[in-house]
């Protein structure tokens, strides 16, 4: 899953070397923290959050039917 988020983010930004994805697991959810360069933040979020919402949708679909929920935070 980390690789999927990283691949999507790298394809969107101008500074792909500054893209990092970290994973935190709890009993209820898995949280992926996506960090990008300050200049690329708007490209990852998109107008009115459309790209961020699309990334979250793709990750949820790829996650499947596991019991834990998935959340993507953009930092």
N, C-alpha and C. Protein backbone atom coordinates (compact mmCIF):
# COMPACT_ATOMS: atom_id res chain seq x y z
N UNK A 1 0.83 -1.20 0.00
CA UNK A 1 0.00 0.00 0.00
C UNK A 1 0.87 1.26 0.00
N UNK A 2 1.96 1.22 0.79
CA UNK A 2 2.86 2.36 0.83
C UNK A 2 3.40 2.66 -0.57
N UNK A 3 3.73 1.61 -1.30
CA UNK A 3 4.29 1.77 -2.63
C UNK A 3 3.27 2.41 -3.59
N UNK A 4 2.01 2.04 -3.44
CA UNK A 4 0.96 2.61 -4.28
C UNK A 4 0.82 4.11 -4.04
N UNK A 5 0.76 4.51 -2.77
CA UNK A 5 0.63 5.92 -2.43
C UNK A 5 1.85 6.70 -2.92
N UNK A 6 3.02 6.12 -2.71
CA UNK A 6 4.25 6.79 -3.15
C UNK A 6 4.29 6.93 -4.66
N UNK A 7 3.87 5.90 -5.39
CA UNK A 7 3.88 5.95 -6.85
C UNK A 7 2.93 7.04 -7.37
N UNK A 8 1.75 7.14 -6.78
CA UNK A 8 0.80 8.17 -7.18
C UNK A 8 1.36 9.56 -6.92
N UNK A 9 1.92 9.76 -5.73
CA UNK A 9 2.45 11.07 -5.35
C UNK A 9 3.65 11.46 -6.21
N UNK A 10 4.53 10.53 -6.47
CA UNK A 10 5.72 10.83 -7.28
C UNK A 10 5.33 11.25 -8.69
N UNK A 11 4.28 10.66 -9.22
CA UNK A 11 3.84 11.01 -10.57
C UNK A 11 3.18 12.39 -10.63
N UNK A 12 2.78 12.95 -9.48
CA UNK A 12 2.10 14.25 -9.45
C UNK A 12 3.03 15.43 -9.19
N UNK A 13 4.11 15.22 -8.47
CA UNK A 13 4.91 16.33 -7.95
C UNK A 13 6.11 16.66 -8.83
N UNK A 14 6.69 17.85 -8.57
CA UNK A 14 7.90 18.28 -9.27
C UNK A 14 9.18 17.81 -8.58
N UNK A 15 9.09 17.54 -7.28
CA UNK A 15 10.25 17.10 -6.49
C UNK A 15 10.00 15.69 -5.96
N UNK A 16 10.13 14.66 -6.82
CA UNK A 16 9.79 13.31 -6.38
C UNK A 16 10.74 12.75 -5.32
N UNK A 17 11.94 13.32 -5.21
CA UNK A 17 12.89 12.83 -4.21
C UNK A 17 12.49 13.20 -2.79
N UNK A 18 11.55 14.13 -2.63
CA UNK A 18 11.12 14.57 -1.30
C UNK A 18 9.80 13.92 -0.87
N UNK A 19 9.33 12.94 -1.60
CA UNK A 19 8.10 12.24 -1.26
C UNK A 19 8.42 11.11 -0.29
N UNK A 20 7.75 11.11 0.86
CA UNK A 20 7.90 10.03 1.82
C UNK A 20 6.52 9.58 2.31
N UNK A 21 6.41 8.30 2.55
CA UNK A 21 5.16 7.73 3.08
C UNK A 21 5.52 6.89 4.30
N UNK A 22 4.88 7.18 5.41
CA UNK A 22 5.08 6.39 6.62
C UNK A 22 3.76 5.74 7.01
N UNK A 23 3.86 4.64 7.72
CA UNK A 23 2.68 3.86 8.07
C UNK A 23 2.59 3.71 9.59
N UNK A 24 1.40 3.94 10.12
CA UNK A 24 1.11 3.71 11.54
C UNK A 24 -0.10 2.79 11.63
N UNK A 25 -0.01 1.79 12.48
CA UNK A 25 -1.12 0.85 12.64
C UNK A 25 -1.66 0.93 14.05
N UNK A 26 -2.98 0.93 14.16
CA UNK A 26 -3.66 0.78 15.43
C UNK A 26 -4.63 -0.38 15.29
N UNK A 27 -5.37 -0.65 16.33
CA UNK A 27 -6.33 -1.75 16.26
C UNK A 27 -7.44 -1.48 15.26
N UNK A 28 -7.84 -0.22 15.14
CA UNK A 28 -8.99 0.14 14.32
C UNK A 28 -8.64 0.59 12.92
N UNK A 29 -7.45 1.18 12.73
CA UNK A 29 -7.15 1.75 11.41
C UNK A 29 -5.67 1.70 11.10
N UNK A 30 -5.39 1.90 9.82
CA UNK A 30 -4.03 2.05 9.32
C UNK A 30 -3.94 3.47 8.78
N UNK A 31 -2.96 4.23 9.25
CA UNK A 31 -2.80 5.61 8.83
C UNK A 31 -1.52 5.72 8.02
N UNK A 32 -1.63 6.24 6.81
CA UNK A 32 -0.48 6.50 5.97
C UNK A 32 -0.27 8.01 5.92
N UNK A 33 0.93 8.45 6.28
CA UNK A 33 1.25 9.88 6.27
C UNK A 33 2.09 10.16 5.02
N UNK A 34 1.58 11.00 4.16
CA UNK A 34 2.24 11.37 2.92
C UNK A 34 2.86 12.75 3.10
N UNK A 35 4.18 12.83 2.94
CA UNK A 35 4.88 14.10 3.06
C UNK A 35 5.49 14.46 1.70
N UNK A 36 5.28 15.70 1.29
CA UNK A 36 5.84 16.18 0.03
C UNK A 36 6.48 17.54 0.27
N UNK A 37 7.19 18.04 -0.73
CA UNK A 37 7.79 19.37 -0.63
C UNK A 37 6.69 20.42 -0.51
N UNK A 38 7.01 21.52 0.12
CA UNK A 38 6.03 22.59 0.34
C UNK A 38 5.47 23.11 -0.98
N UNK A 39 6.31 23.17 -2.00
CA UNK A 39 5.87 23.67 -3.30
C UNK A 39 4.90 22.72 -4.00
N UNK A 40 4.95 21.44 -3.63
CA UNK A 40 4.12 20.42 -4.28
C UNK A 40 2.84 20.11 -3.53
N UNK A 41 2.63 20.74 -2.41
CA UNK A 41 1.46 20.43 -1.58
C UNK A 41 0.15 20.66 -2.34
N UNK A 42 0.07 21.75 -3.09
CA UNK A 42 -1.14 22.04 -3.85
C UNK A 42 -1.42 21.03 -4.95
N UNK A 43 -0.36 20.47 -5.52
CA UNK A 43 -0.54 19.47 -6.57
C UNK A 43 -1.09 18.16 -6.03
N UNK A 44 -0.74 17.85 -4.79
CA UNK A 44 -1.21 16.60 -4.20
C UNK A 44 -2.63 16.77 -3.65
N UNK A 45 -2.97 17.96 -3.17
CA UNK A 45 -4.30 18.20 -2.64
C UNK A 45 -5.30 18.48 -3.76
N UNK A 46 -4.92 19.32 -4.71
CA UNK A 46 -5.80 19.63 -5.83
C UNK A 46 -6.84 20.68 -5.47
N UNK A 47 -7.56 21.11 -6.47
CA UNK A 47 -8.62 22.10 -6.24
C UNK A 47 -9.74 21.49 -5.42
N UNK A 48 -10.06 22.17 -4.36
CA UNK A 48 -11.11 21.75 -3.43
C UNK A 48 -10.89 20.32 -2.93
N UNK A 49 -9.63 19.88 -2.90
CA UNK A 49 -9.30 18.57 -2.36
C UNK A 49 -9.64 17.40 -3.25
N UNK A 50 -9.83 17.63 -4.52
CA UNK A 50 -10.27 16.55 -5.42
C UNK A 50 -9.21 15.46 -5.59
N UNK A 51 -7.95 15.86 -5.74
CA UNK A 51 -6.90 14.85 -5.94
C UNK A 51 -6.69 14.07 -4.65
N UNK A 52 -6.70 14.76 -3.50
CA UNK A 52 -6.55 14.07 -2.22
C UNK A 52 -7.68 13.07 -2.02
N UNK A 53 -8.88 13.45 -2.37
CA UNK A 53 -10.02 12.55 -2.25
C UNK A 53 -9.87 11.35 -3.18
N UNK A 54 -9.36 11.58 -4.38
CA UNK A 54 -9.15 10.48 -5.33
C UNK A 54 -8.08 9.52 -4.83
N UNK A 55 -7.02 10.05 -4.24
CA UNK A 55 -5.97 9.19 -3.67
C UNK A 55 -6.55 8.33 -2.56
N UNK A 56 -7.34 8.93 -1.70
CA UNK A 56 -7.95 8.18 -0.59
C UNK A 56 -8.90 7.11 -1.11
N UNK A 57 -9.64 7.41 -2.17
CA UNK A 57 -10.56 6.44 -2.75
C UNK A 57 -9.81 5.25 -3.32
N UNK A 58 -8.74 5.50 -4.06
CA UNK A 58 -7.94 4.43 -4.65
C UNK A 58 -7.34 3.55 -3.56
N UNK A 59 -6.84 4.17 -2.50
CA UNK A 59 -6.24 3.41 -1.41
C UNK A 59 -7.28 2.55 -0.70
N UNK A 60 -8.47 3.08 -0.48
CA UNK A 60 -9.52 2.31 0.17
C UNK A 60 -9.95 1.12 -0.68
N UNK A 61 -10.04 1.32 -1.99
CA UNK A 61 -10.43 0.22 -2.87
C UNK A 61 -9.33 -0.84 -2.91
N UNK A 62 -8.07 -0.40 -2.97
CA UNK A 62 -6.96 -1.34 -3.02
C UNK A 62 -6.79 -2.07 -1.69
N UNK A 63 -7.22 -1.47 -0.61
CA UNK A 63 -7.09 -2.07 0.72
C UNK A 63 -7.98 -3.30 0.86
N UNK A 64 -9.09 -3.32 0.19
CA UNK A 64 -9.94 -4.49 0.21
C UNK A 64 -10.87 -4.54 1.40
N UNK A 65 -11.18 -5.75 1.83
CA UNK A 65 -12.19 -5.95 2.86
C UNK A 65 -11.58 -6.27 4.22
N UNK A 66 -10.43 -5.72 4.52
CA UNK A 66 -9.85 -5.93 5.84
C UNK A 66 -10.69 -5.22 6.88
N UNK A 67 -10.56 -5.64 8.13
CA UNK A 67 -11.36 -5.06 9.19
C UNK A 67 -10.93 -3.65 9.55
N UNK A 68 -9.67 -3.35 9.36
CA UNK A 68 -9.17 -2.01 9.70
C UNK A 68 -9.53 -1.02 8.62
N UNK A 69 -9.77 0.20 9.04
CA UNK A 69 -10.03 1.28 8.09
C UNK A 69 -8.70 1.89 7.69
N UNK A 70 -8.68 2.50 6.53
CA UNK A 70 -7.45 3.12 6.01
C UNK A 70 -7.65 4.62 5.94
N UNK A 71 -6.63 5.37 6.33
CA UNK A 71 -6.69 6.81 6.25
C UNK A 71 -5.38 7.32 5.69
N UNK A 72 -5.45 8.31 4.79
CA UNK A 72 -4.25 8.93 4.21
C UNK A 72 -4.21 10.37 4.68
N UNK A 73 -3.14 10.73 5.40
CA UNK A 73 -2.93 12.11 5.84
C UNK A 73 -1.86 12.74 4.98
N UNK A 74 -2.10 13.95 4.53
CA UNK A 74 -1.13 14.66 3.72
C UNK A 74 -0.51 15.75 4.58
N UNK A 75 0.82 15.69 4.69
CA UNK A 75 1.52 16.64 5.54
C UNK A 75 2.52 17.44 4.74
